[in-house]
């Protein structure tokens, strides 16, 4: 009867929040970069806004280069001129390791 109420405090004292545990798991299995790349592609509309997102036909990352296919010439030109700003937005959200260069197609 006493086992029913035994003290489990001898278990791991430090309980990591779920987000920290997930980050640690990604690092351990070397999946952090791939996860962040997929997340960047998924969050592109939120990062760049409705106008850019609606004119983006495809988006992929290869060898730390982000390739963005834009359907509108003026939007493509504007993004090309503001390439460093786009990189800054990505770096603030995901860090410097996700992409190092952007290519607008």
N, C-alpha and C. Protein backbone atom coordinates (compact mmCIF):
# COMPACT_ATOMS: atom_id res chain seq x y z
N UNK A 1 0.82 -1.19 0.00
CA UNK A 1 0.00 0.00 0.00
C UNK A 1 0.87 1.26 0.00
N UNK A 2 2.01 1.17 0.63
CA UNK A 2 2.89 2.33 0.73
C UNK A 2 3.53 2.66 -0.62
N UNK A 3 3.76 1.65 -1.49
CA UNK A 3 4.34 1.89 -2.81
C UNK A 3 3.47 2.79 -3.66
N UNK A 4 2.17 2.77 -3.42
CA UNK A 4 1.24 3.57 -4.17
C UNK A 4 1.54 5.06 -4.02
N UNK A 5 2.09 5.45 -2.88
CA UNK A 5 2.35 6.86 -2.59
C UNK A 5 3.83 7.17 -2.51
N UNK A 6 4.65 6.39 -3.17
CA UNK A 6 6.09 6.62 -3.06
C UNK A 6 6.49 7.95 -3.70
N UNK A 7 7.61 8.43 -3.29
CA UNK A 7 8.11 9.73 -3.72
C UNK A 7 8.89 9.59 -5.03
N UNK A 8 8.46 10.30 -6.06
CA UNK A 8 9.13 10.25 -7.35
C UNK A 8 10.13 11.39 -7.51
N UNK A 9 10.43 12.11 -6.46
CA UNK A 9 11.33 13.26 -6.55
C UNK A 9 12.76 12.85 -6.84
N UNK A 10 13.08 11.58 -6.74
CA UNK A 10 14.43 11.12 -7.04
C UNK A 10 14.69 11.07 -8.55
N UNK A 11 13.65 11.24 -9.34
CA UNK A 11 13.82 11.28 -10.79
C UNK A 11 14.55 12.55 -11.19
N UNK A 12 14.79 12.68 -12.45
CA UNK A 12 15.55 13.82 -12.98
C UNK A 12 15.02 15.13 -12.40
N UNK A 13 15.90 15.85 -11.74
CA UNK A 13 15.51 17.08 -11.05
C UNK A 13 15.20 18.22 -12.03
N UNK A 14 16.01 18.32 -13.08
CA UNK A 14 15.85 19.42 -14.02
C UNK A 14 14.89 19.02 -15.12
N UNK A 15 13.77 19.69 -15.19
CA UNK A 15 12.80 19.41 -16.22
C UNK A 15 12.90 20.52 -17.26
N UNK A 16 13.24 20.15 -18.48
CA UNK A 16 13.40 21.14 -19.55
C UNK A 16 12.06 21.41 -20.20
N UNK A 17 11.79 22.68 -20.49
CA UNK A 17 10.57 22.96 -21.23
C UNK A 17 10.59 22.23 -22.58
N UNK A 18 9.45 21.98 -23.13
CA UNK A 18 9.33 21.20 -24.35
C UNK A 18 10.13 21.82 -25.50
N UNK A 19 10.09 23.14 -25.64
CA UNK A 19 10.81 23.80 -26.72
C UNK A 19 12.32 23.56 -26.62
N UNK A 20 12.86 23.68 -25.42
CA UNK A 20 14.29 23.45 -25.21
C UNK A 20 14.66 22.00 -25.50
N UNK A 21 13.81 21.08 -25.06
CA UNK A 21 14.06 19.66 -25.31
C UNK A 21 14.04 19.36 -26.80
N UNK A 22 13.11 19.97 -27.52
CA UNK A 22 13.02 19.78 -28.96
C UNK A 22 14.25 20.34 -29.67
N UNK A 23 14.69 21.53 -29.27
CA UNK A 23 15.90 22.14 -29.84
C UNK A 23 17.12 21.24 -29.61
N UNK A 24 17.23 20.70 -28.42
CA UNK A 24 18.35 19.82 -28.08
C UNK A 24 18.31 18.55 -28.94
N UNK A 25 17.13 18.03 -29.16
CA UNK A 25 16.97 16.84 -30.00
C UNK A 25 17.41 17.13 -31.44
N UNK A 26 17.00 18.28 -31.96
CA UNK A 26 17.40 18.66 -33.32
C UNK A 26 18.92 18.81 -33.44
N UNK A 27 19.54 19.39 -32.43
CA UNK A 27 21.00 19.56 -32.45
C UNK A 27 21.70 18.21 -32.37
N UNK A 28 21.20 17.35 -31.51
CA UNK A 28 21.80 16.03 -31.32
C UNK A 28 21.82 15.23 -32.62
N UNK A 29 20.72 15.27 -33.35
CA UNK A 29 20.63 14.50 -34.59
C UNK A 29 21.01 15.32 -35.83
N UNK A 30 21.59 16.48 -35.61
CA UNK A 30 22.05 17.38 -36.68
C UNK A 30 20.95 17.70 -37.68
N UNK A 31 19.77 17.99 -37.18
CA UNK A 31 18.63 18.32 -38.02
C UNK A 31 18.21 19.78 -37.89
N UNK A 32 18.91 20.54 -37.08
CA UNK A 32 18.54 21.93 -36.81
C UNK A 32 18.49 22.78 -38.08
N UNK A 33 19.53 22.71 -38.90
CA UNK A 33 19.56 23.51 -40.12
C UNK A 33 18.41 23.15 -41.07
N UNK A 34 18.19 21.87 -41.26
CA UNK A 34 17.12 21.41 -42.14
C UNK A 34 15.76 21.85 -41.61
N UNK A 35 15.57 21.74 -40.31
CA UNK A 35 14.31 22.16 -39.69
C UNK A 35 14.10 23.66 -39.90
N UNK A 36 15.14 24.46 -39.66
CA UNK A 36 15.03 25.91 -39.83
C UNK A 36 14.77 26.29 -41.29
N UNK A 37 15.37 25.57 -42.22
CA UNK A 37 15.14 25.84 -43.64
C UNK A 37 13.68 25.57 -44.01
N UNK A 38 13.14 24.48 -43.53
CA UNK A 38 11.74 24.15 -43.82
C UNK A 38 10.81 25.18 -43.17
N UNK A 39 11.18 25.60 -41.98
CA UNK A 39 10.38 26.60 -41.27
C UNK A 39 10.42 27.94 -42.00
N UNK A 40 11.57 28.31 -42.54
CA UNK A 40 11.71 29.55 -43.30
C UNK A 40 10.78 29.53 -44.52
N UNK A 41 10.78 28.44 -45.25
CA UNK A 41 9.92 28.31 -46.42
C UNK A 41 8.45 28.41 -46.02
N UNK A 42 8.10 27.79 -44.93
CA UNK A 42 6.72 27.81 -44.44
C UNK A 42 6.32 29.22 -43.99
N UNK A 43 7.24 29.96 -43.39
CA UNK A 43 6.92 31.28 -42.85
C UNK A 43 7.22 32.43 -43.82
N UNK A 44 7.59 32.13 -45.05
CA UNK A 44 7.89 33.15 -46.05
C UNK A 44 6.77 34.20 -46.18
N UNK A 45 5.50 33.78 -46.30
CA UNK A 45 4.43 34.79 -46.42
C UNK A 45 4.37 35.73 -45.21
N UNK A 46 4.55 35.19 -44.03
CA UNK A 46 4.52 36.00 -42.81
C UNK A 46 5.72 36.95 -42.76
N UNK A 47 6.88 36.48 -43.18
CA UNK A 47 8.09 37.30 -43.16
C UNK A 47 8.04 38.44 -44.17
N UNK A 48 7.56 38.15 -45.37
CA UNK A 48 7.65 39.11 -46.48
C UNK A 48 6.37 39.87 -46.76
N UNK A 49 5.28 39.42 -46.22
CA UNK A 49 4.02 40.13 -46.43
C UNK A 49 3.19 39.54 -47.56
N UNK A 50 1.97 39.99 -47.60
CA UNK A 50 0.98 39.44 -48.53
C UNK A 50 1.34 39.69 -50.00
N UNK A 51 1.83 40.89 -50.32
CA UNK A 51 2.13 41.24 -51.71
C UNK A 51 3.22 40.34 -52.28
N UNK A 52 4.33 40.22 -51.56
CA UNK A 52 5.44 39.39 -52.03
C UNK A 52 5.03 37.93 -52.07
N UNK A 53 4.34 37.48 -51.03
CA UNK A 53 3.92 36.07 -50.96
C UNK A 53 3.00 35.70 -52.12
N UNK A 54 2.10 36.61 -52.50
CA UNK A 54 1.16 36.29 -53.59
C UNK A 54 1.87 36.25 -54.95
N UNK A 55 3.03 36.85 -55.04
CA UNK A 55 3.77 36.85 -56.30
C UNK A 55 4.95 35.88 -56.30
N UNK A 56 5.07 35.10 -55.25
CA UNK A 56 6.11 34.08 -55.16
C UNK A 56 5.53 32.76 -55.66
N UNK A 57 6.12 32.21 -56.72
CA UNK A 57 5.59 30.96 -57.26
C UNK A 57 6.30 29.73 -56.71
N UNK A 58 7.59 29.86 -56.39
CA UNK A 58 8.30 28.74 -55.77
C UNK A 58 9.44 29.26 -54.91
N UNK A 59 9.86 28.41 -54.00
CA UNK A 59 10.84 28.78 -52.99
C UNK A 59 11.55 27.51 -52.56
N UNK A 60 12.89 27.50 -52.64
CA UNK A 60 13.64 26.35 -52.14
C UNK A 60 15.03 26.79 -51.71
N UNK A 61 15.66 25.95 -50.90
CA UNK A 61 16.99 26.24 -50.38
C UNK A 61 17.92 25.11 -50.80
N UNK A 62 19.08 25.50 -51.34
CA UNK A 62 20.08 24.52 -51.73
C UNK A 62 21.45 25.10 -51.38
N UNK A 63 22.22 24.37 -50.62
CA UNK A 63 23.56 24.77 -50.20
C UNK A 63 23.58 26.17 -49.60
N UNK A 64 22.64 26.40 -48.68
CA UNK A 64 22.52 27.67 -47.94
C UNK A 64 22.20 28.86 -48.82
N UNK A 65 21.68 28.60 -50.02
CA UNK A 65 21.20 29.66 -50.90
C UNK A 65 19.69 29.54 -51.01
N UNK A 66 19.00 30.64 -50.80
CA UNK A 66 17.55 30.68 -50.92
C UNK A 66 17.21 31.12 -52.34
N UNK A 67 16.50 30.26 -53.07
CA UNK A 67 16.06 30.57 -54.42
C UNK A 67 14.58 30.92 -54.38
N UNK A 68 14.25 32.11 -54.87
CA UNK A 68 12.87 32.60 -54.83
C UNK A 68 12.44 32.94 -56.25
N UNK A 69 11.41 32.26 -56.75
CA UNK A 69 10.89 32.56 -58.09
C UNK A 69 9.72 33.52 -57.92
N UNK A 70 9.90 34.71 -58.51
CA UNK A 70 8.89 35.77 -58.41
C UNK A 70 8.22 35.95 -59.77
N UNK A 71 6.88 36.07 -59.78
CA UNK A 71 6.12 36.21 -61.02
C UNK A 71 6.06 37.65 -61.53
N UNK A 72 6.33 38.61 -60.68
CA UNK A 72 6.18 40.02 -61.05
C UNK A 72 7.55 40.68 -61.20
N UNK A 73 7.79 41.28 -62.38
CA UNK A 73 9.05 41.96 -62.64
C UNK A 73 9.36 43.08 -61.64
N UNK A 74 8.40 43.99 -61.39
CA UNK A 74 8.67 45.07 -60.44
C UNK A 74 8.96 44.58 -59.01
N UNK A 75 8.23 43.57 -58.56
CA UNK A 75 8.46 43.03 -57.21
C UNK A 75 9.84 42.36 -57.17
N UNK A 76 10.19 41.64 -58.22
CA UNK A 76 11.51 40.99 -58.30
C UNK A 76 12.62 42.04 -58.25
N UNK A 77 12.45 43.14 -58.99
CA UNK A 77 13.44 44.21 -59.01
C UNK A 77 13.58 44.85 -57.62
N UNK A 78 12.45 45.10 -56.97
CA UNK A 78 12.46 45.70 -55.64
C UNK A 78 13.16 44.79 -54.62
N UNK A 79 12.86 43.52 -54.68
CA UNK A 79 13.50 42.56 -53.77
C UNK A 79 15.00 42.46 -54.05
N UNK A 80 15.37 42.47 -55.33
CA UNK A 80 16.79 42.39 -55.69
C UNK A 80 17.55 43.58 -55.13
N UNK A 81 16.95 44.76 -55.20
CA UNK A 81 17.61 45.96 -54.69
C UNK A 81 17.69 45.96 -53.16
N UNK A 82 16.77 45.26 -52.52
CA UNK A 82 16.72 45.21 -51.06
C UNK A 82 17.12 43.85 -50.52
N UNK A 83 17.99 43.17 -51.24
CA UNK A 83 18.45 41.82 -50.86
C UNK A 83 19.00 41.77 -49.44
N UNK A 84 19.78 42.76 -49.05
CA UNK A 84 20.39 42.77 -47.71
C UNK A 84 19.32 42.92 -46.63
N UNK A 85 18.27 43.68 -46.91
CA UNK A 85 17.18 43.82 -45.93
C UNK A 85 16.44 42.49 -45.75
N UNK A 86 16.22 41.79 -46.85
CA UNK A 86 15.56 40.49 -46.78
C UNK A 86 16.41 39.51 -45.97
N UNK A 87 17.72 39.52 -46.22
CA UNK A 87 18.62 38.66 -45.44
C UNK A 87 18.59 39.03 -43.96
N UNK A 88 18.53 40.33 -43.66
CA UNK A 88 18.46 40.77 -42.25
C UNK A 88 17.20 40.25 -41.57
N UNK A 89 16.08 40.31 -42.27
CA UNK A 89 14.81 39.82 -41.72
C UNK A 89 14.93 38.33 -41.40
N UNK A 90 15.51 37.57 -42.32
CA UNK A 90 15.68 36.13 -42.12
C UNK A 90 16.64 35.85 -40.97
N UNK A 91 17.75 36.58 -40.91
CA UNK A 91 18.74 36.37 -39.84
C UNK A 91 18.17 36.70 -38.47
N UNK A 92 17.35 37.74 -38.37
CA UNK A 92 16.75 38.09 -37.08
C UNK A 92 15.82 36.98 -36.60
N UNK A 93 15.14 36.33 -37.53
CA UNK A 93 14.17 35.31 -37.17
C UNK A 93 14.82 33.94 -36.94
N UNK A 94 15.80 33.58 -37.80
CA UNK A 94 16.35 32.22 -37.79
C UNK A 94 17.84 32.12 -37.48
N UNK A 95 18.54 33.23 -37.45
CA UNK A 95 19.97 33.19 -37.23
C UNK A 95 20.72 33.18 -38.56
N UNK A 96 22.03 33.32 -38.48
CA UNK A 96 22.85 33.47 -39.69
C UNK A 96 23.10 32.17 -40.43
N UNK A 97 22.90 31.05 -39.80
CA UNK A 97 23.29 29.78 -40.41
C UNK A 97 22.28 29.22 -41.41
N UNK A 98 21.07 29.75 -41.45
CA UNK A 98 20.04 29.14 -42.29
C UNK A 98 20.32 29.40 -43.77
N UNK A 99 20.45 30.65 -44.17
CA UNK A 99 20.81 30.99 -45.56
C UNK A 99 21.89 32.07 -45.56
N UNK A 100 22.77 31.99 -46.55
CA UNK A 100 23.83 32.96 -46.66
C UNK A 100 23.66 33.87 -47.87
N UNK A 101 22.80 33.45 -48.80
CA UNK A 101 22.62 34.20 -50.04
C UNK A 101 21.19 33.99 -50.54
N UNK A 102 20.68 35.01 -51.26
CA UNK A 102 19.35 34.92 -51.86
C UNK A 102 19.48 35.12 -53.36
N UNK A 103 18.81 34.26 -54.12
CA UNK A 103 18.80 34.37 -55.57
C UNK A 103 17.33 34.52 -55.99
N UNK A 104 17.03 35.64 -56.66
CA UNK A 104 15.67 35.86 -57.16
C UNK A 104 15.59 35.43 -58.62
N UNK A 105 14.66 34.56 -58.92
CA UNK A 105 14.50 34.01 -60.28
C UNK A 105 13.28 34.60 -60.96
